[in-house]
Protein backbone atom coordinates (compact mmCIF):
# COMPACT_ATOMS: atom_id res chain seq x y z
CA MET A 1 91.85 31.43 68.36
CA TYR A 2 88.96 32.04 70.43
CA LYS A 3 87.73 34.71 69.32
CA ASN A 4 87.72 33.96 65.80
CA LEU A 5 85.88 30.65 66.72
CA ASN A 6 83.75 32.32 68.71
CA ASP A 7 83.00 35.18 66.16
CA THR A 8 82.33 32.20 63.72
CA LEU A 9 79.91 30.16 65.60
CA SER A 10 77.71 33.26 66.78
CA ALA A 11 77.35 34.33 63.19
CA GLN A 12 75.77 30.73 62.66
CA GLN A 13 73.76 31.20 66.11
CA ILE A 14 75.64 28.37 67.67
CA GLN A 15 76.38 28.26 71.54
CA LEU A 16 80.21 27.44 72.24
CA VAL A 17 80.71 25.54 75.36
CA ALA A 18 84.29 25.93 76.19
CA VAL A 19 85.43 22.10 77.84
CA SER A 20 87.34 22.86 80.40
CA LYS A 21 87.50 19.75 82.19
CA THR A 22 91.14 18.82 83.73
CA LYS A 23 92.03 22.24 83.10
CA PRO A 24 92.87 24.77 86.05
CA ASN A 25 91.21 28.19 87.16
CA GLU A 26 93.90 29.98 85.35
CA ALA A 27 93.16 29.00 81.64
CA ILE A 28 89.33 28.88 82.12
CA LEU A 29 89.74 32.99 83.31
CA SER A 30 91.51 33.34 80.52
CA LEU A 31 88.67 33.19 78.37
CA TYR A 32 86.20 34.21 80.74
CA GLU A 33 88.21 37.40 80.80
CA GLN A 34 87.78 37.40 76.75
CA GLY A 35 83.75 37.03 77.26
CA GLN A 36 83.37 33.28 77.34
CA ARG A 37 80.72 32.30 79.87
CA HIS A 38 79.43 28.74 78.78
CA PHE A 39 81.84 25.92 80.19
CA GLY A 40 81.41 22.11 80.52
CA GLU A 41 82.48 19.54 82.78
CA ASN A 42 82.62 15.78 82.73
CA ARG A 43 83.31 14.84 86.49
CA VAL A 44 81.09 16.33 89.35
CA GLN A 45 83.79 16.72 92.08
CA GLU A 46 85.61 19.12 89.64
CA LEU A 47 82.87 20.74 88.67
CA VAL A 48 81.85 21.56 92.12
CA GLU A 49 85.43 22.94 92.94
CA LYS A 50 85.24 25.22 90.03
CA HIS A 51 82.18 26.79 90.77
CA GLU A 52 83.12 27.18 93.81
CA GLN A 53 86.10 29.14 93.30
CA LEU A 54 85.36 30.72 89.87
CA PRO A 55 82.77 33.71 88.85
CA LYS A 56 79.41 33.15 89.75
CA ASP A 57 77.96 34.19 86.22
CA ILE A 58 79.66 31.05 84.45
CA HIS A 59 77.27 28.70 83.15
CA TRP A 60 78.39 25.40 83.79
CA HIS A 61 77.22 22.82 81.55
CA PHE A 62 77.42 18.61 82.77
CA ILE A 63 78.85 16.92 79.72
CA GLY A 64 79.83 13.18 81.21
CA HIS A 65 77.79 10.31 82.10
CA LEU A 66 76.24 11.24 85.25
CA GLN A 67 75.74 8.91 88.21
CA THR A 68 72.65 9.17 89.93
CA ASN A 69 74.13 9.83 93.26
CA LYS A 70 76.02 12.88 91.85
CA VAL A 71 73.16 14.82 91.05
CA LYS A 72 72.50 16.63 94.45
CA TYR A 73 75.87 18.28 94.30
CA ILE A 74 75.30 20.28 91.00
CA ALA A 75 71.40 20.45 91.43
CA SER A 76 71.83 23.96 93.14
CA PHE A 77 73.45 25.69 89.91
CA ILE A 78 74.06 23.78 87.00
CA HIS A 79 72.86 25.40 83.88
CA LEU A 80 72.44 22.29 81.44
CA ILE A 81 73.00 18.95 81.80
CA HIS A 82 73.73 17.37 78.28
CA SER A 83 74.16 13.62 79.14
CA VAL A 84 70.43 12.45 79.86
CA ASP A 85 70.95 8.95 78.56
CA ARG A 86 68.29 7.01 81.04
CA VAL A 87 64.98 7.38 82.58
CA LYS A 88 66.66 6.46 85.76
CA ILE A 89 68.70 9.88 85.62
CA LEU A 90 65.78 11.99 84.91
CA LYS A 91 63.76 10.73 87.77
CA GLU A 92 67.13 11.84 90.06
CA ILE A 93 67.11 15.37 88.74
CA GLN A 94 63.19 15.71 88.75
CA LYS A 95 63.56 14.74 92.68
CA GLN A 96 66.92 17.11 93.52
CA ALA A 97 65.28 19.83 91.39
CA LYS A 98 62.47 20.01 93.40
CA SER A 99 64.42 20.02 96.65
CA ASN A 100 66.43 22.86 95.03
CA ASP A 101 63.26 24.78 93.99
CA ARG A 102 64.61 25.05 90.24
CA ILE A 103 63.63 23.98 87.02
CA ILE A 104 66.90 22.07 85.54
CA ASP A 105 67.38 22.34 81.96
CA VAL A 106 68.63 18.86 80.42
CA LEU A 107 69.23 17.51 76.84
CA LEU A 108 68.32 13.62 76.23
CA GLN A 109 71.46 12.15 74.98
CA ILE A 110 70.92 9.88 71.79
CA LYS A 111 73.34 7.16 70.96
CA ILE A 112 74.43 8.10 67.61
CA ALA A 113 77.53 6.49 67.46
CA GLU A 114 78.77 2.92 66.44
CA GLU A 115 80.85 2.81 69.49
CA ASP A 116 79.72 0.68 72.46
CA THR A 117 81.65 2.67 74.77
CA LYS A 118 79.14 6.10 73.82
CA TYR A 119 75.71 5.91 75.85
CA GLY A 120 72.40 7.52 75.24
CA PHE A 121 68.94 6.63 74.59
CA ASP A 122 68.05 4.29 71.09
CA GLU A 123 65.34 6.19 68.89
CA THR A 124 62.44 3.73 69.93
CA THR A 125 63.00 3.81 73.79
CA ILE A 126 63.13 7.98 73.41
CA LEU A 127 60.04 7.98 71.46
CA ASP A 128 58.30 5.49 73.64
CA PHE A 129 59.25 7.76 76.64
CA LEU A 130 57.92 10.93 75.07
CA ALA A 131 54.75 9.08 74.34
CA THR A 132 54.12 8.98 78.16
CA ASP A 133 52.80 11.68 80.75
CA TRP A 134 56.23 12.06 81.10
CA SER A 135 55.47 16.18 81.74
CA THR A 136 53.52 15.67 84.67
CA ARG A 137 55.97 13.17 86.54
CA TYR A 138 58.83 15.57 85.94
CA PRO A 139 57.61 19.25 86.37
CA ASN A 140 60.80 20.61 87.74
CA VAL A 141 62.40 19.19 84.37
CA ARG A 142 63.03 21.08 80.96
CA ILE A 143 63.87 19.20 78.18
CA VAL A 144 65.70 21.88 76.04
CA GLY A 145 66.85 19.50 73.06
CA LEU A 146 69.20 16.59 72.35
CA MET A 147 72.48 15.89 72.51
CA GLY A 148 74.61 13.16 70.28
CA MET A 149 78.43 12.07 70.18
CA GLY A 150 79.76 10.96 66.70
CA THR A 151 81.66 7.93 66.35
CA PHE A 152 85.45 8.37 66.75
CA SER A 153 86.63 8.21 63.23
CA ASN A 154 88.87 9.71 60.51
CA ASP A 155 85.50 9.22 58.19
CA PRO A 156 83.56 12.35 57.97
CA GLN A 157 80.72 11.21 56.00
CA GLN A 158 80.16 8.53 58.75
CA THR A 159 80.42 11.73 61.32
CA ARG A 160 78.13 13.48 58.83
CA GLN A 161 75.53 10.74 58.75
CA GLU A 162 75.32 10.51 62.09
CA PHE A 163 74.58 14.14 62.86
CA GLN A 164 71.72 13.93 60.17
CA THR A 165 70.19 11.04 62.16
CA LEU A 166 70.00 13.35 65.14
CA LYS A 167 69.08 16.38 63.31
CA LYS A 168 65.91 13.94 61.61
CA LEU A 169 65.49 12.73 64.86
CA PHE A 170 64.82 16.33 66.50
CA ASP A 171 62.91 17.31 63.76
CA ARG A 172 60.54 14.59 64.42
CA ILE A 173 60.46 15.12 68.25
CA LYS A 174 59.98 18.37 67.72
CA LYS A 175 56.93 18.10 65.46
CA ASP A 176 54.98 15.62 67.62
CA HIS A 177 55.80 16.47 71.16
CA PHE A 178 57.16 20.12 71.26
CA ALA A 179 55.62 22.08 68.14
CA THR A 180 54.55 25.15 70.46
CA ILE A 181 57.24 24.82 72.94
CA GLU A 182 60.21 27.34 71.82
CA SER A 183 62.46 26.10 74.54
CA PHE A 184 62.94 22.69 72.65
CA ARG A 185 65.56 23.71 70.12
CA GLU A 186 68.95 22.99 71.27
CA ARG A 187 70.86 20.22 69.43
CA SER A 188 74.43 19.64 71.11
CA MET A 189 76.79 18.14 68.60
CA GLY A 190 79.81 18.82 67.50
CA MET A 191 83.58 18.80 69.49
CA SER A 192 86.74 19.70 68.34
CA GLY A 193 87.18 17.35 65.32
CA ASP A 194 84.27 17.71 63.88
CA TYR A 195 82.32 20.84 64.67
CA THR A 196 82.54 22.13 61.34
CA ILE A 197 80.54 19.04 60.07
CA ALA A 198 78.21 19.37 63.09
CA ALA A 199 77.56 22.97 62.16
CA GLU A 200 76.71 21.99 58.70
CA GLU A 201 74.15 19.47 60.02
CA GLY A 202 72.02 21.98 62.09
CA SER A 203 74.38 21.88 65.64
CA THR A 204 73.37 24.67 67.67
CA MET A 205 75.52 24.17 70.42
CA VAL A 206 79.49 22.52 70.09
CA ARG A 207 81.53 21.31 72.67
CA ILE A 208 85.15 22.36 72.50
CA GLY A 209 88.22 21.66 74.04
CA SER A 210 91.41 20.89 72.73
CA LEU A 211 91.08 23.81 70.12
CA LEU A 212 90.67 26.47 72.86
CA PHE A 213 92.88 24.66 75.64
CA GLY A 214 95.24 22.95 73.70
CA GLN A 215 95.86 18.82 74.06
CA ARG A 216 95.63 17.25 77.29
């Protein structure tokens, strides 16, 4: 399953992030030995433990809702934070990145789903923020794209429209704020149940768990 999926995504220039939350090290190592290097976790304590125990060339992605008081535990090694959903967390990432003499890559999480349980900036708030002098205030943070989670729904058209909304916003932000910045390129959208739709709608990064590891 892994090889076919990874080959398909690679051909479309889409990065596969294997969502390894709750999975044992043995399962992660099995994919690692097949060549997978990008893994996603949503709990800081579990992420820190796995980082300490597993090969150091793994690129760890934080994909869950991040609390400000937990940023310091991952700031020294995190590869990409997908879930920057408020300015407060951005400020803390800047603080901890500076303390670790790093530039931390992040994605701005946009609320594209109808569900109240989903986090993220709305369009107006993120556009207002990007119109400020944020780059001078957060020199140790590099915004490399957007992330969005579709509504948990059996309606593929709704999912498609939500991903289209994210892509449209990405294009607008790219044109207005990052036109000359090559690193702003990521659109993290799509999971096990909807990654094919996400790929069709311009995803550059998908977060796949159950297809690779089985249901929890």
